[in-house]
Amino acid sequence: MSRRKGSGVFSEMAGVPVQRLLANPLIAVARAQSMMARTEVQTLLQSCFIYEDGVYYPIMLEMALERVFVEPGDRILQETTIKEVTTVFSVPMITIFPISSLGVDFIDISFNFEVTAQYEVNAEFEGVEGQRNTRESSPLIPVPEVELVGNILAAQPMTGSGSGSTSYEWSKSANYQVDVHAEALPLPRGLTILLELYSNSIQPKEISTGDECK
């Protein structure tokens, strides 16, 4: 991406079309949203799946849970038996991986704009009410669009001149503020179905260290 170095803040913030001031933050938010989505998908695939021969295989975690059972003895010996049972199950990584889904839900743009000029740009077409349509005439007439150009750097009056005439100087900073707020979004439907599918595939099996538990 090429960058043009200006001569200062004035050269960058003077003579700016108001459309660009409004569009640039919105375009930046859209690009940031796309980058966040790609990063979230890449993180999920790299952390929870193994890619082999064009197929993503889930990373499985082998987990075990040990439990102890006390079985009473028979009526004659009255001896109790202690058995340890280990429950082994495989858990897909995706079912325990913290999945984040962020989205921009609010953007506020504020600036002080001093209009210095206006121009008529490409015309749009608008229907004329009451006009008859014929082969020779079109029901649409061009409506000129007005583009406003101005400065964010407002001119401030200089004090202490003492000559009776007021002179102005440009401000040293631009009053241009963009507030963006993001919050967690609901997971995509495809991802929730995938999580449910992998969650239902968890099937524990018990392995007894001694005789089978009755």
N, C-alpha and C. Protein backbone atom coordinates (compact mmCIF):
# COMPACT_ATOMS: atom_id res chain seq x y z
N MET A 1 0.85 -1.18 0.00
CA MET A 1 0.00 0.00 0.00
C MET A 1 0.88 1.23 0.00
N SER A 2 0.70 2.10 -0.94
CA SER A 2 1.49 3.31 -1.06
C SER A 2 0.90 4.41 -0.19
N ARG A 3 1.74 5.22 0.37
CA ARG A 3 1.31 6.34 1.21
C ARG A 3 1.92 7.62 0.65
N ARG A 4 1.12 8.67 0.66
CA ARG A 4 1.60 9.96 0.18
C ARG A 4 1.88 10.84 1.40
N LYS A 5 3.07 11.33 1.46
CA LYS A 5 3.46 12.18 2.58
C LYS A 5 3.10 13.62 2.26
N GLY A 6 2.23 14.20 3.09
CA GLY A 6 1.82 15.59 2.89
C GLY A 6 2.78 16.56 3.54
N SER A 7 2.52 17.84 3.29
CA SER A 7 3.37 18.87 3.85
C SER A 7 3.00 19.20 5.27
N GLY A 8 1.93 18.64 5.78
CA GLY A 8 1.53 18.92 7.15
C GLY A 8 0.07 18.59 7.34
N VAL A 9 -0.43 18.86 8.54
CA VAL A 9 -1.83 18.59 8.84
C VAL A 9 -2.75 19.40 7.95
N PHE A 10 -2.37 20.62 7.65
CA PHE A 10 -3.23 21.48 6.83
C PHE A 10 -3.43 20.89 5.44
N SER A 11 -2.35 20.41 4.84
CA SER A 11 -2.46 19.86 3.48
C SER A 11 -3.32 18.62 3.45
N GLU A 12 -3.38 17.87 4.55
CA GLU A 12 -4.16 16.64 4.57
C GLU A 12 -5.62 16.89 4.90
N MET A 13 -5.93 17.88 5.70
CA MET A 13 -7.28 18.06 6.21
C MET A 13 -7.98 19.28 5.63
N ALA A 14 -7.39 19.94 4.66
CA ALA A 14 -8.03 21.07 4.01
C ALA A 14 -8.48 20.66 2.62
N GLY A 15 -9.64 21.16 2.21
CA GLY A 15 -10.17 20.83 0.89
C GLY A 15 -10.59 19.39 0.77
N VAL A 16 -11.17 18.82 1.82
CA VAL A 16 -11.57 17.42 1.82
C VAL A 16 -13.05 17.31 1.49
N PRO A 17 -13.46 16.43 0.56
CA PRO A 17 -14.89 16.21 0.31
C PRO A 17 -15.55 15.58 1.53
N VAL A 18 -16.75 16.04 1.84
CA VAL A 18 -17.43 15.53 3.02
C VAL A 18 -17.77 14.05 2.86
N GLN A 19 -17.97 13.59 1.61
CA GLN A 19 -18.25 12.17 1.39
C GLN A 19 -17.09 11.30 1.86
N ARG A 20 -15.86 11.79 1.62
CA ARG A 20 -14.70 11.00 2.02
C ARG A 20 -14.56 10.94 3.53
N LEU A 21 -14.91 12.02 4.19
CA LEU A 21 -14.84 12.03 5.64
C LEU A 21 -15.81 11.04 6.25
N LEU A 22 -16.96 10.86 5.62
CA LEU A 22 -17.94 9.92 6.13
C LEU A 22 -17.64 8.49 5.69
N ALA A 23 -17.14 8.33 4.47
CA ALA A 23 -16.95 6.98 3.92
C ALA A 23 -15.71 6.29 4.47
N ASN A 24 -14.63 7.02 4.68
CA ASN A 24 -13.38 6.38 5.09
C ASN A 24 -13.51 5.57 6.38
N PRO A 25 -14.12 6.13 7.46
CA PRO A 25 -14.27 5.29 8.66
C PRO A 25 -15.15 4.08 8.43
N LEU A 26 -16.21 4.22 7.61
CA LEU A 26 -17.09 3.08 7.35
C LEU A 26 -16.36 2.00 6.57
N ILE A 27 -15.54 2.41 5.59
CA ILE A 27 -14.75 1.44 4.84
C ILE A 27 -13.73 0.75 5.75
N ALA A 28 -13.11 1.52 6.63
CA ALA A 28 -12.13 0.94 7.56
C ALA A 28 -12.79 -0.07 8.50
N VAL A 29 -14.00 0.23 8.97
CA VAL A 29 -14.71 -0.70 9.84
C VAL A 29 -15.07 -1.97 9.08
N ALA A 30 -15.52 -1.83 7.82
CA ALA A 30 -15.86 -3.01 7.02
C ALA A 30 -14.63 -3.90 6.81
N ARG A 31 -13.47 -3.27 6.53
CA ARG A 31 -12.25 -4.06 6.35
C ARG A 31 -11.82 -4.71 7.66
N ALA A 32 -11.95 -3.99 8.77
CA ALA A 32 -11.60 -4.57 10.06
C ALA A 32 -12.51 -5.74 10.40
N GLN A 33 -13.79 -5.61 10.06
CA GLN A 33 -14.74 -6.70 10.30
C GLN A 33 -14.35 -7.93 9.50
N SER A 34 -13.95 -7.74 8.25
CA SER A 34 -13.52 -8.86 7.42
C SER A 34 -12.25 -9.50 7.97
N MET A 35 -11.30 -8.69 8.43
CA MET A 35 -10.07 -9.22 9.00
C MET A 35 -10.35 -10.02 10.27
N MET A 36 -11.26 -9.52 11.13
CA MET A 36 -11.60 -10.24 12.35
C MET A 36 -12.23 -11.58 12.03
N ALA A 37 -13.13 -11.61 11.04
CA ALA A 37 -13.79 -12.87 10.68
C ALA A 37 -12.79 -13.89 10.16
N ARG A 38 -11.87 -13.44 9.28
CA ARG A 38 -10.86 -14.38 8.76
C ARG A 38 -9.95 -14.88 9.88
N THR A 39 -9.57 -14.01 10.79
CA THR A 39 -8.70 -14.41 11.90
C THR A 39 -9.39 -15.43 12.80
N GLU A 40 -10.68 -15.22 13.08
CA GLU A 40 -11.41 -16.16 13.92
C GLU A 40 -11.52 -17.53 13.27
N VAL A 41 -11.78 -17.56 11.96
CA VAL A 41 -11.89 -18.85 11.27
C VAL A 41 -10.54 -19.54 11.22
N GLN A 42 -9.46 -18.80 10.92
CA GLN A 42 -8.13 -19.40 10.86
C GLN A 42 -7.71 -19.93 12.23
N THR A 43 -8.00 -19.19 13.28
CA THR A 43 -7.66 -19.65 14.63
C THR A 43 -8.40 -20.93 14.97
N LEU A 44 -9.66 -21.00 14.61
CA LEU A 44 -10.45 -22.20 14.90
C LEU A 44 -9.92 -23.41 14.14
N LEU A 45 -9.61 -23.23 12.85
CA LEU A 45 -9.12 -24.35 12.05
C LEU A 45 -7.74 -24.81 12.49
N GLN A 46 -6.85 -23.87 12.80
CA GLN A 46 -5.49 -24.23 13.19
C GLN A 46 -5.43 -24.85 14.58
N SER A 47 -6.36 -24.48 15.46
CA SER A 47 -6.31 -24.96 16.84
C SER A 47 -7.12 -26.23 17.07
N CYS A 48 -8.13 -26.47 16.23
CA CYS A 48 -9.04 -27.58 16.50
C CYS A 48 -9.06 -28.65 15.43
N PHE A 49 -8.33 -28.47 14.33
CA PHE A 49 -8.39 -29.43 13.24
C PHE A 49 -7.00 -29.71 12.70
N ILE A 50 -6.89 -30.87 12.07
CA ILE A 50 -5.68 -31.27 11.34
C ILE A 50 -6.06 -31.39 9.87
N TYR A 51 -5.29 -30.74 9.01
CA TYR A 51 -5.58 -30.73 7.58
C TYR A 51 -4.73 -31.77 6.87
N GLU A 52 -5.38 -32.75 6.27
CA GLU A 52 -4.69 -33.81 5.54
C GLU A 52 -5.46 -34.14 4.27
N ASP A 53 -4.78 -34.10 3.15
CA ASP A 53 -5.34 -34.51 1.86
C ASP A 53 -6.65 -33.79 1.55
N GLY A 54 -6.67 -32.50 1.83
CA GLY A 54 -7.85 -31.71 1.51
C GLY A 54 -9.01 -31.86 2.46
N VAL A 55 -8.80 -32.52 3.60
CA VAL A 55 -9.88 -32.75 4.56
C VAL A 55 -9.42 -32.28 5.94
N TYR A 56 -10.32 -31.63 6.67
CA TYR A 56 -10.03 -31.22 8.03
C TYR A 56 -10.55 -32.30 8.99
N TYR A 57 -9.62 -32.85 9.78
CA TYR A 57 -9.96 -33.85 10.79
C TYR A 57 -9.90 -33.20 12.17
N PRO A 58 -10.90 -33.44 13.01
CA PRO A 58 -10.90 -32.81 14.34
C PRO A 58 -9.80 -33.36 15.23
N ILE A 59 -9.21 -32.51 16.00
CA ILE A 59 -8.23 -32.93 17.00
C ILE A 59 -9.00 -33.50 18.19
N MET A 60 -8.69 -34.73 18.54
CA MET A 60 -9.40 -35.42 19.61
C MET A 60 -8.53 -35.47 20.87
N LEU A 61 -9.15 -35.23 21.99
CA LEU A 61 -8.47 -35.31 23.28
C LEU A 61 -8.95 -36.55 24.01
N GLU A 62 -8.01 -37.40 24.36
CA GLU A 62 -8.35 -38.59 25.15
C GLU A 62 -8.35 -38.21 26.63
N MET A 63 -9.49 -38.39 27.25
CA MET A 63 -9.65 -38.02 28.66
C MET A 63 -10.16 -39.23 29.44
N ALA A 64 -9.81 -39.25 30.71
CA ALA A 64 -10.20 -40.38 31.56
C ALA A 64 -10.72 -39.86 32.89
N LEU A 65 -11.70 -40.57 33.42
CA LEU A 65 -12.28 -40.24 34.73
C LEU A 65 -12.31 -41.50 35.57
N GLU A 66 -11.62 -41.45 36.70
CA GLU A 66 -11.53 -42.62 37.58
C GLU A 66 -12.55 -42.49 38.70
N ARG A 67 -13.26 -43.60 38.95
CA ARG A 67 -14.24 -43.66 40.02
C ARG A 67 -14.03 -44.93 40.84
N VAL A 68 -14.38 -44.85 42.11
CA VAL A 68 -14.21 -45.98 43.03
C VAL A 68 -15.59 -46.44 43.50
N PHE A 69 -15.83 -47.73 43.38
CA PHE A 69 -17.09 -48.33 43.83
C PHE A 69 -16.80 -49.28 44.99
N VAL A 70 -17.64 -49.25 45.98
CA VAL A 70 -17.55 -50.18 47.12
C VAL A 70 -18.73 -51.14 47.03
N GLU A 71 -18.42 -52.42 46.87
CA GLU A 71 -19.45 -53.44 46.76
C GLU A 71 -19.51 -54.24 48.06
N PRO A 72 -20.69 -54.37 48.61
CA PRO A 72 -20.80 -55.18 49.84
C PRO A 72 -20.56 -56.67 49.56
N GLY A 73 -20.08 -57.37 50.57
CA GLY A 73 -19.85 -58.81 50.42
C GLY A 73 -21.12 -59.62 50.52
N ASP A 74 -20.97 -60.93 50.38
CA ASP A 74 -22.14 -61.81 50.48
C ASP A 74 -22.54 -62.01 51.94
N ARG A 75 -23.58 -62.78 52.17
CA ARG A 75 -24.08 -62.97 53.53
C ARG A 75 -23.15 -63.81 54.38
N ILE A 76 -22.32 -64.63 53.77
CA ILE A 76 -21.46 -65.53 54.53
C ILE A 76 -20.15 -64.84 54.92
N LEU A 77 -19.44 -64.31 53.94
CA LEU A 77 -18.14 -63.72 54.23
C LEU A 77 -18.23 -62.30 54.75
N GLN A 78 -19.24 -61.57 54.31
CA GLN A 78 -19.43 -60.19 54.74
C GLN A 78 -18.20 -59.32 54.45
N GLU A 79 -17.52 -59.61 53.38
CA GLU A 79 -16.36 -58.83 52.98
C GLU A 79 -16.72 -57.88 51.83
N THR A 80 -16.32 -56.64 51.99
CA THR A 80 -16.60 -55.65 50.94
C THR A 80 -15.47 -55.65 49.91
N THR A 81 -15.82 -55.29 48.72
CA THR A 81 -14.86 -55.25 47.62
C THR A 81 -14.80 -53.83 47.06
N ILE A 82 -13.61 -53.32 46.90
CA ILE A 82 -13.41 -51.99 46.32
C ILE A 82 -12.93 -52.15 44.89
N LYS A 83 -13.65 -51.51 43.99
CA LYS A 83 -13.30 -51.58 42.57
C LYS A 83 -13.09 -50.17 42.02
N GLU A 84 -12.09 -50.06 41.21
CA GLU A 84 -11.82 -48.81 40.51
C GLU A 84 -12.25 -48.94 39.05
N VAL A 85 -13.06 -48.01 38.62
CA VAL A 85 -13.55 -48.02 37.25
C VAL A 85 -13.08 -46.75 36.56
N THR A 86 -12.46 -46.90 35.43
CA THR A 86 -11.97 -45.76 34.66
C THR A 86 -12.86 -45.56 33.43
N THR A 87 -13.40 -44.37 33.32
CA THR A 87 -14.21 -44.01 32.17
C THR A 87 -13.36 -43.23 31.19
N VAL A 88 -13.18 -43.77 30.00
CA VAL A 88 -12.36 -43.16 28.97
C VAL A 88 -13.27 -42.63 27.87
N PHE A 89 -13.01 -41.42 27.43
CA PHE A 89 -13.81 -40.83 26.36
C PHE A 89 -12.96 -39.86 25.56
N SER A 90 -13.32 -39.71 24.31
CA SER A 90 -12.62 -38.80 23.41
C SER A 90 -13.45 -37.53 23.23
N VAL A 91 -12.80 -36.39 23.39
CA VAL A 91 -13.48 -35.10 23.30
C VAL A 91 -12.89 -34.32 22.14
N PRO A 92 -13.69 -33.92 21.17
CA PRO A 92 -13.17 -33.04 20.11
C PRO A 92 -12.74 -31.69 20.69
N MET A 93 -11.59 -31.24 20.26
CA MET A 93 -11.07 -29.97 20.76
C MET A 93 -12.05 -28.82 20.55
N ILE A 94 -12.80 -28.86 19.46
CA ILE A 94 -13.69 -27.75 19.13
C ILE A 94 -14.79 -27.57 20.17
N THR A 95 -15.14 -28.65 20.89
CA THR A 95 -16.22 -28.56 21.86
C THR A 95 -15.82 -27.85 23.15
N ILE A 96 -14.52 -27.73 23.40
CA ILE A 96 -14.06 -27.04 24.61
C ILE A 96 -13.24 -25.80 24.29
N PHE A 97 -13.07 -25.51 23.01
CA PHE A 97 -12.28 -24.35 22.60
C PHE A 97 -13.13 -23.08 22.74
N PRO A 98 -12.62 -22.06 23.42
CA PRO A 98 -13.40 -20.81 23.54
C PRO A 98 -13.48 -20.09 22.21
N ILE A 99 -14.67 -20.03 21.66
CA ILE A 99 -14.89 -19.44 20.35
C ILE A 99 -15.43 -18.03 20.52
N SER A 100 -14.75 -17.08 19.89
CA SER A 100 -15.18 -15.68 19.95
C SER A 100 -15.70 -15.25 18.58
N SER A 101 -16.77 -14.49 18.61
CA SER A 101 -17.34 -13.96 17.38
C SER A 101 -17.70 -12.50 17.64
N LEU A 102 -16.81 -11.60 17.21
CA LEU A 102 -17.00 -10.18 17.45
C LEU A 102 -17.53 -9.49 16.20
N GLY A 103 -18.32 -8.47 16.43
CA GLY A 103 -18.86 -7.69 15.33
C GLY A 103 -19.09 -6.25 15.76
N VAL A 104 -18.85 -5.35 14.83
CA VAL A 104 -19.06 -3.92 15.12
C VAL A 104 -20.56 -3.63 15.02
N ASP A 105 -21.13 -3.14 16.09
CA ASP A 105 -22.56 -2.84 16.09
C ASP A 105 -22.86 -1.35 16.22
N PHE A 106 -21.81 -0.54 16.39
CA PHE A 106 -22.06 0.89 16.55
C PHE A 106 -20.82 1.66 16.10
N ILE A 107 -21.05 2.72 15.34
CA ILE A 107 -19.97 3.62 14.92
C ILE A 107 -20.50 5.04 14.93
N ASP A 108 -19.74 5.93 15.52
CA ASP A 108 -20.16 7.33 15.64
C ASP A 108 -19.04 8.20 15.07
N ILE A 109 -19.37 9.04 14.09
CA ILE A 109 -18.41 9.92 13.44
C ILE A 109 -18.79 11.35 13.73
N SER A 110 -17.86 12.12 14.23
CA SER A 110 -18.14 13.52 14.53
C SER A 110 -16.94 14.38 14.14
N PHE A 111 -17.23 15.54 13.54
CA PHE A 111 -16.17 16.47 13.16
C PHE A 111 -16.82 17.83 12.89
N ASN A 112 -16.00 18.87 13.01
CA ASN A 112 -16.41 20.21 12.63
C ASN A 112 -15.94 20.47 11.20
N PHE A 113 -16.88 20.77 10.33
CA PHE A 113 -16.58 20.89 8.92
C PHE A 113 -16.91 22.30 8.44
N GLU A 114 -15.92 22.98 7.89
CA GLU A 114 -16.11 24.31 7.35
C GLU A 114 -16.19 24.22 5.82
N VAL A 115 -17.37 24.48 5.27
CA VAL A 115 -17.57 24.37 3.83
C VAL A 115 -16.89 25.54 3.13
N THR A 116 -16.03 25.22 2.19
CA THR A 116 -15.32 26.26 1.43
C THR A 116 -15.75 26.31 -0.04
N ALA A 117 -16.35 25.23 -0.57
CA ALA A 117 -16.77 25.21 -1.97
C ALA A 117 -17.75 24.08 -2.16
N GLN A 118 -18.50 24.17 -3.27
CA GLN A 118 -19.40 23.10 -3.66
C GLN A 118 -19.35 22.92 -5.17
N TYR A 119 -19.50 21.67 -5.59
CA TYR A 119 -19.38 21.34 -7.01
C TYR A 119 -20.53 20.42 -7.40
N GLU A 120 -20.91 20.50 -8.68
CA GLU A 120 -21.88 19.56 -9.22
C GLU A 120 -21.11 18.41 -9.87
N VAL A 121 -21.43 17.20 -9.43
CA VAL A 121 -20.72 16.03 -9.91
C VAL A 121 -21.67 15.19 -10.76
N ASN A 122 -21.34 13.92 -10.96
CA ASN A 122 -22.12 13.05 -11.84
C ASN A 122 -23.59 13.10 -11.49
N ALA A 123 -24.43 13.21 -12.53
CA ALA A 123 -25.87 13.36 -12.31
C ALA A 123 -26.51 12.01 -12.10
N GLU A 124 -27.50 11.99 -11.21
CA GLU A 124 -28.34 10.83 -11.04
C GLU A 124 -29.69 11.13 -11.69
N PHE A 125 -30.46 10.09 -11.92
CA PHE A 125 -31.73 10.25 -12.61
C PHE A 125 -32.88 10.10 -11.66
N GLU A 126 -33.84 10.96 -11.83
CA GLU A 126 -35.00 10.99 -10.96
C GLU A 126 -36.25 11.10 -11.81
N GLY A 127 -37.31 10.36 -11.45
CA GLY A 127 -38.55 10.40 -12.19
C GLY A 127 -39.27 11.73 -12.03
N VAL A 128 -39.96 12.16 -13.08
CA VAL A 128 -40.71 13.40 -13.05
C VAL A 128 -42.19 13.06 -12.93
N GLU A 129 -42.80 13.53 -11.89
CA GLU A 129 -44.20 13.22 -11.64
C GLU A 129 -45.08 13.93 -12.67
N GLY A 130 -46.01 13.21 -13.28
CA GLY A 130 -46.95 13.80 -14.23
C GLY A 130 -46.46 13.84 -15.65
N GLN A 131 -45.25 13.42 -15.94
CA GLN A 131 -44.72 13.47 -17.30
C GLN A 131 -45.11 12.20 -18.05
N ARG A 132 -45.61 12.34 -19.29
CA ARG A 132 -46.00 11.19 -20.10
C ARG A 132 -44.77 10.54 -20.71
N ASN A 133 -44.81 9.23 -20.78
CA ASN A 133 -43.72 8.48 -21.38
C ASN A 133 -43.98 8.29 -22.87
N THR A 134 -43.05 8.67 -23.70
CA THR A 134 -43.13 8.47 -25.13
C THR A 134 -41.85 7.83 -25.61
N ARG A 135 -41.85 7.43 -26.89
CA ARG A 135 -40.65 6.83 -27.45
C ARG A 135 -39.53 7.84 -27.58
N GLU A 136 -39.88 9.10 -27.80
CA GLU A 136 -38.86 10.12 -28.03
C GLU A 136 -38.33 10.71 -26.72
N SER A 137 -39.15 10.72 -25.67
CA SER A 137 -38.72 11.36 -24.42
C SER A 137 -38.56 10.31 -23.33
N SER A 138 -37.70 10.60 -22.41
CA SER A 138 -37.45 9.71 -21.29
C SER A 138 -38.15 10.24 -20.05
N PRO A 139 -38.71 9.36 -19.24
CA PRO A 139 -39.35 9.83 -18.01
C PRO A 139 -38.36 10.22 -16.93
N LEU A 140 -37.08 10.09 -17.21
CA LEU A 140 -36.05 10.41 -16.23
C LEU A 140 -35.27 11.62 -16.69
N ILE A 141 -35.00 12.51 -15.77
CA ILE A 141 -34.17 13.67 -16.06
C ILE A 141 -33.01 13.66 -15.09
N PRO A 142 -31.84 14.12 -15.51
CA PRO A 142 -30.68 14.12 -14.61
C PRO A 142 -30.84 15.16 -13.51
N VAL A 143 -30.54 14.74 -12.31
CA VAL A 143 -30.54 15.64 -11.16
C VAL A 143 -29.10 15.79 -10.68
N PRO A 144 -28.53 16.96 -10.73
CA PRO A 144 -27.13 17.12 -10.33
C PRO A 144 -26.93 16.85 -8.85
N GLU A 145 -25.82 16.23 -8.56
CA GLU A 145 -25.45 15.96 -7.18
C GLU A 145 -24.40 16.97 -6.75
N VAL A 146 -24.62 17.54 -5.58
CA VAL A 146 -23.73 18.58 -5.08
C VAL A 146 -22.71 17.95 -4.14
N GLU A 147 -21.45 18.20 -4.40
CA GLU A 147 -20.37 17.74 -3.54
C GLU A 147 -19.82 18.92 -2.75
N LEU A 148 -19.82 18.76 -1.44
CA LEU A 148 -19.31 19.81 -0.55
C LEU A 148 -17.85 19.54 -0.24
N VAL A 149 -17.05 20.58 -0.33
CA VAL A 149 -15.62 20.50 -0.03
C VAL A 149 -15.32 21.55 1.02
N GLY A 150 -14.50 21.16 1.98
CA GLY A 150 -14.17 22.12 3.03
C GLY A 150 -13.01 21.67 3.87
N ASN A 151 -12.90 22.28 5.03
CA ASN A 151 -11.76 22.06 5.92
C ASN A 151 -12.25 21.56 7.27
N ILE A 152 -11.50 20.62 7.83
CA ILE A 152 -11.72 20.24 9.22
C ILE A 152 -10.96 21.17 10.14
N LEU A 153 -9.84 21.70 9.66
CA LEU A 153 -9.06 22.65 10.43
C LEU A 153 -9.74 24.01 10.35
N ALA A 154 -10.39 24.39 11.40
CA ALA A 154 -11.11 25.66 11.38
C ALA A 154 -10.15 26.82 11.61
N ALA A 155 -10.46 27.95 10.98
CA ALA A 155 -9.65 29.16 11.15
C ALA A 155 -10.03 29.84 12.45
N GLN A 156 -9.03 30.11 13.28
CA GLN A 156 -9.26 30.76 14.57
C GLN A 156 -8.79 32.21 14.51
N PRO A 157 -9.59 33.15 15.06
CA PRO A 157 -9.15 34.56 15.05
C PRO A 157 -7.93 34.77 15.93
N MET A 158 -7.02 35.59 15.44
CA MET A 158 -5.82 35.92 16.19
C MET A 158 -6.12 37.10 17.10
N THR A 159 -5.55 37.07 18.28
CA THR A 159 -5.75 38.14 19.25
C THR A 159 -4.49 38.98 19.37
N GLY A 160 -4.69 40.20 19.84
CA GLY A 160 -3.54 41.08 20.06
C GLY A 160 -3.06 41.79 18.84
N SER A 161 -3.88 41.86 17.79
CA SER A 161 -3.43 42.57 16.58
C SER A 161 -3.48 44.08 16.80
N GLY A 162 -4.58 44.59 17.43
CA GLY A 162 -4.66 46.01 17.75
C GLY A 162 -4.87 46.92 16.56
N SER A 163 -5.08 46.38 15.38
CA SER A 163 -5.24 47.21 14.18
C SER A 163 -6.69 47.44 13.83
N GLY A 164 -7.61 46.81 14.55
CA GLY A 164 -9.01 46.96 14.25
C GLY A 164 -9.54 45.92 13.28
N SER A 165 -8.69 45.34 12.46
CA SER A 165 -9.09 44.28 11.54
C SER A 165 -8.69 42.93 12.13
N THR A 166 -9.56 41.99 11.98
CA THR A 166 -9.32 40.66 12.55
C THR A 166 -8.60 39.78 11.55
N SER A 167 -7.56 39.17 11.99
CA SER A 167 -6.84 38.21 11.16
C SER A 167 -7.04 36.81 11.74
N TYR A 168 -6.83 35.80 10.88
CA TYR A 168 -7.11 34.43 11.28
C TYR A 168 -5.87 33.56 11.04
N GLU A 169 -5.79 32.52 11.82
CA GLU A 169 -4.76 31.49 11.61
C GLU A 169 -5.41 30.12 11.76
N TRP A 170 -4.82 29.15 11.08
CA TRP A 170 -5.38 27.81 11.10
C TRP A 170 -5.05 27.11 12.41
N SER A 171 -6.00 26.31 12.87
CA SER A 171 -5.79 25.55 14.08
C SER A 171 -4.69 24.52 13.86
N LYS A 172 -4.04 24.12 14.94
CA LYS A 172 -2.93 23.16 14.85
C LYS A 172 -3.41 21.71 14.80
N SER A 173 -4.67 21.44 15.11
CA SER A 173 -5.17 20.07 15.14
C SER A 173 -6.53 19.99 14.47
N ALA A 174 -6.89 18.78 14.08
CA ALA A 174 -8.16 18.54 13.41
C ALA A 174 -9.14 17.91 14.39
N ASN A 175 -10.34 18.44 14.42
CA ASN A 175 -11.39 17.90 15.27
C ASN A 175 -12.15 16.82 14.50
N TYR A 176 -11.64 15.60 14.55
CA TYR A 176 -12.21 14.49 13.79
C TYR A 176 -12.20 13.27 14.70
N GLN A 177 -13.35 12.79 15.09
CA GLN A 177 -13.44 11.72 16.08
C GLN A 177 -14.31 10.60 15.55
N VAL A 178 -13.83 9.37 15.72
CA VAL A 178 -14.57 8.18 15.31
C VAL A 178 -14.61 7.23 16.50
N ASP A 179 -15.81 6.91 16.97
CA ASP A 179 -16.01 5.97 18.06
C ASP A 179 -16.61 4.69 17.50
N VAL A 180 -15.95 3.58 17.79
CA VAL A 180 -16.40 2.27 17.30
C VAL A 180 -16.61 1.35 18.48
N HIS A 181 -17.72 0.63 18.48
CA HIS A 181 -18.03 -0.31 19.56
C HIS A 181 -18.30 -1.68 18.95
N ALA A 182 -17.71 -2.70 19.54
CA ALA A 182 -17.90 -4.07 19.07
C ALA A 182 -18.38 -4.93 20.23
N GLU A 183 -19.19 -5.90 19.92
CA GLU A 183 -19.68 -6.83 20.94
C GLU A 183 -19.75 -8.23 20.35
N ALA A 184 -19.94 -9.20 21.24
CA ALA A 184 -20.00 -10.59 20.80
C ALA A 184 -21.29 -10.83 20.03
N LEU A 185 -21.15 -11.51 18.90
CA LEU A 185 -22.29 -11.85 18.06
C LEU A 185 -22.67 -13.31 18.26
N PRO A 186 -23.92 -13.67 17.96
CA PRO A 186 -24.29 -15.09 18.02
C PRO A 186 -23.44 -15.90 17.04
N LEU A 187 -23.12 -17.12 17.43
CA LEU A 187 -22.32 -17.97 16.57
C LEU A 187 -23.09 -18.29 15.29
N PRO A 188 -22.39 -18.43 14.18
CA PRO A 188 -23.06 -18.81 12.93
C PRO A 188 -23.79 -20.14 13.08
N ARG A 189 -24.88 -20.28 12.35
CA ARG A 189 -25.69 -21.48 12.47
C ARG A 189 -24.89 -22.73 12.10
N GLY A 190 -24.05 -22.63 11.07
CA GLY A 190 -23.25 -23.78 10.69
C GLY A 190 -22.31 -24.23 11.80
N LEU A 191 -21.76 -23.26 12.54
CA LEU A 191 -20.84 -23.60 13.63
C LEU A 191 -21.58 -24.22 14.80
N THR A 192 -22.77 -23.74 15.11
CA THR A 192 -23.54 -24.33 16.20
C THR A 192 -23.96 -25.77 15.86
N ILE A 193 -24.32 -26.02 14.60
CA ILE A 193 -24.65 -27.39 14.19
C ILE A 193 -23.42 -28.28 14.30
N LEU A 194 -22.24 -27.74 13.91
CA LEU A 194 -21.00 -28.51 14.01
C LEU A 194 -20.67 -28.83 15.45
N LEU A 195 -20.86 -27.88 16.35
CA LEU A 195 -20.59 -28.13 17.77
C LEU A 195 -21.55 -29.18 18.32
N GLU A 196 -22.80 -29.10 17.93
CA GLU A 196 -23.77 -30.10 18.40
C GLU A 196 -23.42 -31.48 17.87
N LEU A 197 -22.98 -31.55 16.62
CA LEU A 197 -22.62 -32.83 16.02
C LEU A 197 -21.44 -33.47 16.75
N TYR A 198 -20.40 -32.68 17.01
CA TYR A 198 -19.24 -33.22 17.71
C TYR A 198 -19.54 -33.52 19.17
N SER A 199 -20.40 -32.73 19.79
CA SER A 199 -20.75 -32.98 21.18
C SER A 199 -21.50 -34.30 21.33
N ASN A 200 -22.38 -34.60 20.37
CA ASN A 200 -23.14 -35.85 20.41
C ASN A 200 -22.26 -37.07 20.13
N SER A 201 -21.07 -36.84 19.57
CA SER A 201 -20.20 -37.97 19.25
C SER A 201 -19.37 -38.43 20.44
N ILE A 202 -19.47 -37.74 21.56
CA ILE A 202 -18.71 -38.13 22.75
C ILE A 202 -19.40 -39.33 23.39
N GLN A 203 -18.78 -40.49 23.30
CA GLN A 203 -19.34 -41.72 23.85
C GLN A 203 -18.35 -42.32 24.85
N PRO A 204 -18.61 -42.20 26.16
CA PRO A 204 -17.69 -42.78 27.14
C PRO A 204 -17.80 -44.29 27.20
N LYS A 205 -16.70 -44.94 27.58
CA LYS A 205 -16.69 -46.38 27.81
C LYS A 205 -15.95 -46.64 29.11
N GLU A 206 -16.48 -47.57 29.89
CA GLU A 206 -15.91 -47.85 31.21
C GLU A 206 -15.00 -49.06 31.14
N ILE A 207 -13.87 -48.95 31.82
CA ILE A 207 -12.88 -50.03 31.89
C ILE A 207 -12.64 -50.32 33.36
N SER A 208 -12.98 -51.50 33.80
CA SER A 208 -12.81 -51.89 35.20
C SER A 208 -11.42 -52.45 35.40
N THR A 209 -10.82 -52.10 36.53
CA THR A 209 -9.48 -52.63 36.84
C THR A 209 -9.53 -54.04 37.34
N GLY A 210 -10.68 -54.49 37.85
CA GLY A 210 -10.82 -55.87 38.31
C GLY A 210 -11.91 -56.57 37.53
N ASP A 211 -12.75 -57.25 38.27
CA ASP A 211 -13.87 -57.88 37.61
C ASP A 211 -14.84 -56.82 37.15
N GLU A 212 -15.72 -57.15 36.25
CA GLU A 212 -16.69 -56.20 35.76
C GLU A 212 -17.63 -55.82 36.88
N CYS A 213 -17.93 -54.56 36.92
CA CYS A 213 -18.79 -54.04 37.98
C CYS A 213 -20.21 -54.52 37.73
N LYS A 214 -20.85 -55.04 38.76
CA LYS A 214 -22.20 -55.55 38.60
C LYS A 214 -23.18 -54.40 38.58
